Amino acid sequence: ILVQTIFILWGNWAVPEGTPFFAGASGTVQTCTVQGFFVILASISVASYYASLSICSYVSVKHNFKEENYKWIEKWIHFV
């Protein structure tokens, strides 16, 4: 979330200079591309992590919070 916030705050500075309807645009095509890449990457990562936590919660509730039955899934959630 922090990476995404930084690049969103970077905002119009990354947009190529001279682009209409973007006040403060002073970047290049490369800065715009980098910003877009990291915003999309962070969005996908955050969504995937929250989905993984939801799966972990489901599995733990299904097994009545017996840690030995759902502990195996935690390492995969944090790894991915």
PDB file of N, CA and C in Angstrom:
ATOM      1  N   ILE A   1       0.834  -1.181   0.000  1.00  0.00           N
ATOM      2  CA  ILE A   1       0.000   0.000   0.000  1.00  0.00           C
ATOM      3  C   ILE A   1       0.882   1.247   0.000  1.00  0.00           C
ATOM      4  N   LEU A   2       1.995   1.196   0.709  1.00  0.00           N
ATOM      5  CA  LEU A   2       2.889   2.355   0.783  1.00  0.00           C
ATOM      6  C   LEU A   2       3.458   2.704  -0.585  1.00  0.00           C
ATOM      7  N   VAL A   3       3.878   1.701  -1.345  1.00  0.00           N
ATOM      8  CA  VAL A   3       4.427   1.940  -2.686  1.00  0.00           C
ATOM      9  C   VAL A   3       3.378   2.576  -3.577  1.00  0.00           C
ATOM     10  N   GLN A   4       2.176   2.055  -3.528  1.00  0.00           N
ATOM     11  CA  GLN A   4       1.098   2.593  -4.347  1.00  0.00           C
ATOM     12  C   GLN A   4       0.806   4.042  -3.966  1.00  0.00           C
ATOM     13  N   THR A   5       0.776   4.339  -2.682  1.00  0.00           N
ATOM     14  CA  THR A   5       0.506   5.699  -2.222  1.00  0.00           C
ATOM     15  C   THR A   5       1.563   6.674  -2.711  1.00  0.00           C
ATOM     16  N   ILE A   6       2.810   6.261  -2.648  1.00  0.00           N
ATOM     17  CA  ILE A   6       3.901   7.135  -3.102  1.00  0.00           C
ATOM     18  C   ILE A   6       3.738   7.467  -4.580  1.00  0.00           C
ATOM     19  N   PHE A   7       3.455   6.476  -5.396  1.00  0.00           N
ATOM     20  CA  PHE A   7       3.330   6.725  -6.828  1.00  0.00           C
ATOM     21  C   PHE A   7       2.053   7.478  -7.185  1.00  0.00           C
ATOM     22  N   ILE A   8       0.998   7.297  -6.409  1.00  0.00           N
ATOM     23  CA  ILE A   8      -0.211   8.083  -6.651  1.00  0.00           C
ATOM     24  C   ILE A   8       0.028   9.541  -6.282  1.00  0.00           C
ATOM     25  N   LEU A   9       0.727   9.773  -5.169  1.00  0.00           N
ATOM     26  CA  LEU A   9       1.058  11.146  -4.783  1.00  0.00           C
ATOM     27  C   LEU A   9       1.993  11.797  -5.798  1.00  0.00           C
ATOM     28  N   TRP A  10       2.824  11.009  -6.432  1.00  0.00           N
ATOM     29  CA  TRP A  10       3.705  11.508  -7.480  1.00  0.00           C
ATOM     30  C   TRP A  10       2.848  12.130  -8.585  1.00  0.00           C
ATOM     31  N   GLY A  11       1.702  11.540  -8.807  1.00  0.00           N
ATOM     32  CA  GLY A  11       0.637  12.059  -9.645  1.00  0.00           C
ATOM     33  C   GLY A  11       1.023  12.660 -10.970  1.00  0.00           C
ATOM     34  N   ASN A  12       0.596  13.894 -11.173  1.00  0.00           N
ATOM     35  CA  ASN A  12       0.756  14.566 -12.462  1.00  0.00           C
ATOM     36  C   ASN A  12       2.201  14.873 -12.820  1.00  0.00           C
ATOM     37  N   TRP A  13       3.102  14.840 -11.882  1.00  0.00           N
ATOM     38  CA  TRP A  13       4.507  15.105 -12.183  1.00  0.00           C
ATOM     39  C   TRP A  13       5.070  14.065 -13.151  1.00  0.00           C
ATOM     40  N   ALA A  14       4.513  12.878 -13.138  1.00  0.00           N
ATOM     41  CA  ALA A  14       5.019  11.813 -14.009  1.00  0.00           C
ATOM     42  C   ALA A  14       4.423  11.870 -15.412  1.00  0.00           C
ATOM     43  N   VAL A  15       3.340  12.593 -15.562  1.00  0.00           N
ATOM     44  CA  VAL A  15       2.675  12.693 -16.868  1.00  0.00           C
ATOM     45  C   VAL A  15       3.556  13.516 -17.814  1.00  0.00           C
ATOM     46  N   PRO A  16       3.671  13.090 -19.062  1.00  0.00           N
ATOM     47  CA  PRO A  16       4.519  13.818 -20.011  1.00  0.00           C
ATOM     48  C   PRO A  16       4.126  15.293 -20.141  1.00  0.00           C
ATOM     49  N   GLU A  17       5.140  16.123 -20.177  1.00  0.00           N
ATOM     50  CA  GLU A  17       4.940  17.566 -20.289  1.00  0.00           C
ATOM     51  C   GLU A  17       4.176  17.890 -21.574  1.00  0.00           C
ATOM     52  N   GLY A  18       3.211  18.785 -21.451  1.00  0.00           N
ATOM     53  CA  GLY A  18       2.425  19.181 -22.610  1.00  0.00           C
ATOM     54  C   GLY A  18       1.161  18.369 -22.809  1.00  0.00           C
ATOM     55  N   THR A  19       0.910  17.395 -21.954  1.00  0.00           N
ATOM     56  CA  THR A  19      -0.312  16.595 -22.051  1.00  0.00           C
ATOM     57  C   THR A  19      -1.497  17.460 -21.640  1.00  0.00           C
ATOM     58  N   PRO A  20      -2.525  17.558 -22.487  1.00  0.00           N
ATOM     59  CA  PRO A  20      -3.663  18.412 -22.143  1.00  0.00           C
ATOM     60  C   PRO A  20      -4.441  17.888 -20.940  1.00  0.00           C
ATOM     61  N   PHE A  21      -5.007  18.804 -20.183  1.00  0.00           N
ATOM     62  CA  PHE A  21      -5.868  18.522 -19.032  1.00  0.00           C
ATOM     63  C   PHE A  21      -5.127  17.941 -17.830  1.00  0.00           C
ATOM     64  N   PHE A  22      -3.804  18.066 -17.767  1.00  0.00           N
ATOM     65  CA  PHE A  22      -3.035  17.619 -16.615  1.00  0.00           C
ATOM     66  C   PHE A  22      -2.206  18.793 -16.107  1.00  0.00           C
ATOM     67  N   ALA A  23      -2.696  19.446 -15.058  1.00  0.00           N
ATOM     68  CA  ALA A  23      -1.972  20.578 -14.485  1.00  0.00           C
ATOM     69  C   ALA A  23      -0.718  20.065 -13.786  1.00  0.00           C
ATOM     70  N   GLY A  24       0.401  20.684 -14.033  1.00  0.00           N
ATOM     71  CA  GLY A  24       1.644  20.312 -13.378  1.00  0.00           C
ATOM     72  C   GLY A  24       2.363  19.152 -14.034  1.00  0.00           C
ATOM     73  N   ALA A  25       1.935  18.755 -15.220  1.00  0.00           N
ATOM     74  CA  ALA A  25       2.595  17.656 -15.917  1.00  0.00           C
ATOM     75  C   ALA A  25       4.005  18.093 -16.312  1.00  0.00           C
ATOM     76  N   SER A  26       4.999  17.349 -15.827  1.00  0.00           N
ATOM     77  CA  SER A  26       6.385  17.732 -16.121  1.00  0.00           C
ATOM     78  C   SER A  26       7.277  16.522 -16.341  1.00  0.00           C
ATOM     79  N   GLY A  27       6.706  15.357 -16.561  1.00  0.00           N
ATOM     80  CA  GLY A  27       7.495  14.142 -16.721  1.00  0.00           C
ATOM     81  C   GLY A  27       7.753  13.799 -18.170  1.00  0.00           C
ATOM     82  N   THR A  28       8.103  12.547 -18.363  1.00  0.00           N
ATOM     83  CA  THR A  28       8.348  12.015 -19.700  1.00  0.00           C
ATOM     84  C   THR A  28       7.508  10.759 -19.863  1.00  0.00           C
ATOM     85  N   VAL A  29       7.572  10.177 -21.033  1.00  0.00           N
ATOM     86  CA  VAL A  29       6.850   8.925 -21.272  1.00  0.00           C
ATOM     87  C   VAL A  29       7.377   7.836 -20.331  1.00  0.00           C
ATOM     88  N   GLN A  30       8.679   7.849 -20.084  1.00  0.00           N
ATOM     89  CA  GLN A  30       9.275   6.834 -19.208  1.00  0.00           C
ATOM     90  C   GLN A  30       8.776   6.986 -17.768  1.00  0.00           C
ATOM     91  N   THR A  31       8.701   8.223 -17.246  1.00  0.00           N
ATOM     92  CA  THR A  31       8.233   8.400 -15.869  1.00  0.00           C
ATOM     93  C   THR A  31       6.764   7.996 -15.746  1.00  0.00           C
ATOM     94  N   CYS A  32       5.993   8.280 -16.767  1.00  0.00           N
ATOM     95  CA  CYS A  32       4.578   7.898 -16.766  1.00  0.00           C
ATOM     96  C   CYS A  32       4.440   6.373 -16.780  1.00  0.00           C
ATOM     97  N   THR A  33       5.262   5.723 -17.585  1.00  0.00           N
ATOM     98  CA  THR A  33       5.231   4.261 -17.673  1.00  0.00           C
ATOM     99  C   THR A  33       5.649   3.623 -16.353  1.00  0.00           C
ATOM    100  N   VAL A  34       6.682   4.146 -15.735  1.00  0.00           N
ATOM    101  CA  VAL A  34       7.147   3.610 -14.443  1.00  0.00           C
ATOM    102  C   VAL A  34       6.073   3.782 -13.386  1.00  0.00           C
ATOM    103  N   GLN A  35       5.474   4.952 -13.345  1.00  0.00           N
ATOM    104  CA  GLN A  35       4.418   5.191 -12.375  1.00  0.00           C
ATOM    105  C   GLN A  35       3.255   4.220 -12.590  1.00  0.00           C
ATOM    106  N   GLY A  36       2.808   4.072 -13.819  1.00  0.00           N
ATOM    107  CA  GLY A  36       1.712   3.159 -14.118  1.00  0.00           C
ATOM    108  C   GLY A  36       2.033   1.727 -13.746  1.00  0.00           C
ATOM    109  N   PHE A  37       3.269   1.302 -14.034  1.00  0.00           N
ATOM    110  CA  PHE A  37       3.682  -0.057 -13.704  1.00  0.00           C
ATOM    111  C   PHE A  37       3.591  -0.308 -12.202  1.00  0.00           C
ATOM    112  N   PHE A  38       4.129   0.602 -11.399  1.00  0.00           N
ATOM    113  CA  PHE A  38       4.141   0.390  -9.955  1.00  0.00           C
ATOM    114  C   PHE A  38       2.759   0.533  -9.327  1.00  0.00           C
ATOM    115  N   VAL A  39       1.921   1.396  -9.860  1.00  0.00           N
ATOM    116  CA  VAL A  39       0.558   1.513  -9.336  1.00  0.00           C
ATOM    117  C   VAL A  39      -0.213   0.218  -9.604  1.00  0.00           C
ATOM    118  N   ILE A  40      -0.109  -0.322 -10.799  1.00  0.00           N
ATOM    119  CA  ILE A  40      -0.797  -1.582 -11.135  1.00  0.00           C
ATOM    120  C   ILE A  40      -0.223  -2.746 -10.338  1.00  0.00           C
ATOM    121  N   LEU A  41       1.115  -2.821 -10.246  1.00  0.00           N
ATOM    122  CA  LEU A  41       1.759  -3.891  -9.478  1.00  0.00           C
ATOM    123  C   LEU A  41       1.313  -3.868  -8.020  1.00  0.00           C
ATOM    124  N   ALA A  42       1.300  -2.686  -7.418  1.00  0.00           N
ATOM    125  CA  ALA A  42       0.887  -2.571  -6.020  1.00  0.00           C
ATOM    126  C   ALA A  42      -0.588  -2.927  -5.857  1.00  0.00           C
ATOM    127  N   SER A  43      -1.418  -2.516  -6.797  1.00  0.00           N
ATOM    128  CA  SER A  43      -2.851  -2.828  -6.716  1.00  0.00           C
ATOM    129  C   SER A  43      -3.096  -4.332  -6.765  1.00  0.00           C
ATOM    130  N   ILE A  44      -2.417  -4.994  -7.671  1.00  0.00           N
ATOM    131  CA  ILE A  44      -2.564  -6.447  -7.794  1.00  0.00           C
ATOM    132  C   ILE A  44      -2.021  -7.146  -6.546  1.00  0.00           C
ATOM    133  N   SER A  45      -0.897  -6.674  -6.036  1.00  0.00           N
ATOM    134  CA  SER A  45      -0.291  -7.284  -4.850  1.00  0.00           C
ATOM    135  C   SER A  45      -1.188  -7.148  -3.629  1.00  0.00           C
ATOM    136  N   VAL A  46      -1.739  -5.972  -3.415  1.00  0.00           N
ATOM    137  CA  VAL A  46      -2.611  -5.738  -2.262  1.00  0.00           C
ATOM    138  C   VAL A  46      -3.865  -6.601  -2.369  1.00  0.00           C
ATOM    139  N   ALA A  47      -4.470  -6.627  -3.534  1.00  0.00           N
ATOM    140  CA  ALA A  47      -5.684  -7.431  -3.720  1.00  0.00           C
ATOM    141  C   ALA A  47      -5.401  -8.918  -3.501  1.00  0.00           C
ATOM    142  N   SER A  48      -4.279  -9.393  -4.008  1.00  0.00           N
ATOM    143  CA  SER A  48      -3.917 -10.800  -3.839  1.00  0.00           C
ATOM    144  C   SER A  48      -3.652 -11.140  -2.376  1.00  0.00           C
ATOM    145  N   TYR A  49      -2.980 -10.245  -1.668  1.00  0.00           N
ATOM    146  CA  TYR A  49      -2.669 -10.497  -0.262  1.00  0.00           C
ATOM    147  C   TYR A  49      -3.948 -10.549   0.570  1.00  0.00           C
ATOM    148  N   TYR A  50      -4.857  -9.609   0.328  1.00  0.00           N
ATOM    149  CA  TYR A  50      -6.114  -9.629   1.074  1.00  0.00           C
ATOM    150  C   TYR A  50      -6.955 -10.853   0.726  1.00  0.00           C
ATOM    151  N   ALA A  51      -6.934 -11.282  -0.504  1.00  0.00           N
ATOM    152  CA  ALA A  51      -7.643 -12.505  -0.873  1.00  0.00           C
ATOM    153  C   ALA A  51      -7.040 -13.713  -0.157  1.00  0.00           C
ATOM    154  N   SER A  52      -5.713 -13.742  -0.068  1.00  0.00           N
ATOM    155  CA  SER A  52      -5.033 -14.831   0.626  1.00  0.00           C
ATOM    156  C   SER A  52      -5.382 -14.836   2.114  1.00  0.00           C
ATOM    157  N   LEU A  53      -5.440 -13.661   2.719  1.00  0.00           N
ATOM    158  CA  LEU A  53      -5.833 -13.593   4.135  1.00  0.00           C
ATOM    159  C   LEU A  53      -7.272 -14.057   4.337  1.00  0.00           C
ATOM    160  N   SER A  54      -8.116 -13.776   3.379  1.00  0.00           N
ATOM    161  CA  SER A  54      -9.504 -14.246   3.464  1.00  0.00           C
ATOM    162  C   SER A  54      -9.563 -15.769   3.395  1.00  0.00           C
ATOM    163  N   ILE A  55      -8.747 -16.344   2.528  1.00  0.00           N
ATOM    164  CA  ILE A  55      -8.683 -17.803   2.428  1.00  0.00           C
ATOM    165  C   ILE A  55      -8.173 -18.399   3.729  1.00  0.00           C
ATOM    166  N   CYS A  56      -7.152 -17.781   4.306  1.00  0.00           N
ATOM    167  CA  CYS A  56      -6.616 -18.264   5.583  1.00  0.00           C
ATOM    168  C   CYS A  56      -7.682 -18.189   6.674  1.00  0.00           C
ATOM    169  N   SER A  57      -8.445 -17.113   6.710  1.00  0.00           N
ATOM    170  CA  SER A  57      -9.512 -16.978   7.693  1.00  0.00           C
ATOM    171  C   SER A  57     -10.574 -18.050   7.505  1.00  0.00           C
ATOM    172  N   TYR A  58     -10.924 -18.299   6.257  1.00  0.00           N
ATOM    173  CA  TYR A  58     -11.911 -19.338   5.967  1.00  0.00           C
ATOM    174  C   TYR A  58     -11.433 -20.710   6.441  1.00  0.00           C
ATOM    175  N   VAL A  59     -10.184 -21.034   6.122  1.00  0.00           N
ATOM    176  CA  VAL A  59      -9.635 -22.333   6.506  1.00  0.00           C
ATOM    177  C   VAL A  59      -9.547 -22.454   8.029  1.00  0.00           C
ATOM    178  N   SER A  60      -9.173 -21.380   8.714  1.00  0.00           N
ATOM    179  CA  SER A  60      -9.069 -21.454  10.175  1.00  0.00           C
ATOM    180  C   SER A  60     -10.449 -21.624  10.822  1.00  0.00           C
ATOM    181  N   VAL A  61     -11.458 -20.945  10.296  1.00  0.00           N
ATOM    182  CA  VAL A  61     -12.805 -21.107  10.835  1.00  0.00           C
ATOM    183  C   VAL A  61     -13.324 -22.518  10.542  1.00  0.00           C
ATOM    184  N   LYS A  62     -13.035 -23.016   9.358  1.00  0.00           N
ATOM    185  CA  LYS A  62     -13.474 -24.354   8.976  1.00  0.00           C
ATOM    186  C   LYS A  62     -12.900 -25.424   9.903  1.00  0.00           C
ATOM    187  N   HIS A  63     -11.683 -25.200  10.377  1.00  0.00           N
ATOM    188  CA  HIS A  63     -11.024 -26.182  11.253  1.00  0.00           C
ATOM    189  C   HIS A  63     -11.084 -25.777  12.725  1.00  0.00           C
ATOM    190  N   ASN A  64     -12.075 -24.959  13.069  1.00  0.00           N
ATOM    191  CA  ASN A  64     -12.323 -24.570  14.462  1.00  0.00           C
ATOM    192  C   ASN A  64     -11.094 -23.971  15.145  1.00  0.00           C
ATOM    193  N   PHE A  65     -10.321 -23.210  14.411  1.00  0.00           N
ATOM    194  CA  PHE A  65      -9.151 -22.492  14.916  1.00  0.00           C
ATOM    195  C   PHE A  65      -8.093 -23.410  15.541  1.00  0.00           C
ATOM    196  N   LYS A  66      -8.033 -24.643  15.065  1.00  0.00           N
ATOM    197  CA  LYS A  66      -6.960 -25.545  15.500  1.00  0.00           C
ATOM    198  C   LYS A  66      -5.753 -25.255  14.620  1.00  0.00           C
ATOM    199  N   GLU A  67      -4.756 -24.649  15.240  1.00  0.00           N
ATOM    200  CA  GLU A  67      -3.627 -24.125  14.484  1.00  0.00           C
ATOM    201  C   GLU A  67      -2.901 -25.185  13.664  1.00  0.00           C
ATOM    202  N   GLU A  68      -2.818 -26.386  14.143  1.00  0.00           N
ATOM    203  CA  GLU A  68      -2.103 -27.425  13.399  1.00  0.00           C
ATOM    204  C   GLU A  68      -2.784 -27.761  12.067  1.00  0.00           C
ATOM    205  N   ASN A  69      -4.080 -27.445  11.944  1.00  0.00           N
ATOM    206  CA  ASN A  69      -4.812 -27.739  10.712  1.00  0.00           C
ATOM    207  C   ASN A  69      -4.705 -26.651   9.638  1.00  0.00           C
ATOM    208  N   TYR A  70      -4.304 -25.458  10.027  1.00  0.00           N
ATOM    209  CA  TYR A  70      -4.212 -24.384   9.031  1.00  0.00           C
ATOM    210  C   TYR A  70      -2.872 -23.658   9.020  1.00  0.00           C
ATOM    211  N   LYS A  71      -1.941 -24.084   9.857  1.00  0.00           N
ATOM    212  CA  LYS A  71      -0.645 -23.420   9.930  1.00  0.00           C
ATOM    213  C   LYS A  71       0.134 -23.529   8.616  1.00  0.00           C
ATOM    214  N   TRP A  72      -0.059 -24.606   7.878  1.00  0.00           N
ATOM    215  CA  TRP A  72       0.666 -24.824   6.617  1.00  0.00           C
ATOM    216  C   TRP A  72       0.373 -23.750   5.575  1.00  0.00           C
ATOM    217  N   ILE A  73      -0.809 -23.161   5.637  1.00  0.00           N
ATOM    218  CA  ILE A  73      -1.190 -22.194   4.610  1.00  0.00           C
ATOM    219  C   ILE A  73      -0.545 -20.816   4.834  1.00  0.00           C
ATOM    220  N   GLU A  74      -0.186 -20.502   6.077  1.00  0.00           N
ATOM    221  CA  GLU A  74       0.353 -19.176   6.391  1.00  0.00           C
ATOM    222  C   GLU A  74       1.666 -18.879   5.671  1.00  0.00           C
ATOM    223  N   LYS A  75       2.555 -19.839   5.594  1.00  0.00           N
ATOM    224  CA  LYS A  75       3.836 -19.582   4.921  1.00  0.00           C
ATOM    225  C   LYS A  75       3.632 -19.268   3.458  1.00  0.00           C
ATOM    226  N   TRP A  76       2.629 -19.893   2.819  1.00  0.00           N
ATOM    227  CA  TRP A  76       2.366 -19.638   1.410  1.00  0.00           C
ATOM    228  C   TRP A  76       1.751 -18.261   1.191  1.00  0.00           C
ATOM    229  N   ILE A  77       0.917 -17.844   2.136  1.00  0.00           N
ATOM    230  CA  ILE A  77       0.283 -16.525   2.024  1.00  0.00           C
ATOM    231  C   ILE A  77       1.340 -15.428   2.082  1.00  0.00           C
ATOM    232  N   HIS A  78       2.244 -15.518   3.020  1.00  0.00           N
ATOM    233  CA  HIS A  78       3.252 -14.470   3.179  1.00  0.00           C
ATOM    234  C   HIS A  78       4.336 -14.566   2.109  1.00  0.00           C
ATOM    235  N   PHE A  79       4.540 -15.741   1.562  1.00  0.00           N
ATOM    236  CA  PHE A  79       5.531 -15.901   0.503  1.00  0.00           C
ATOM    237  C   PHE A  79       5.038 -15.313  -0.806  1.00  0.00           C
ATOM    238  N   VAL A  80       3.785 -15.594  -1.112  1.00  0.00           N
ATOM    239  CA  VAL A  80       3.207 -15.122  -2.371  1.00  0.00           C
ATOM    240  C   VAL A  80       2.923 -13.647  -2.245  1.00  0.00           C
TER     241      VAL A  80
END
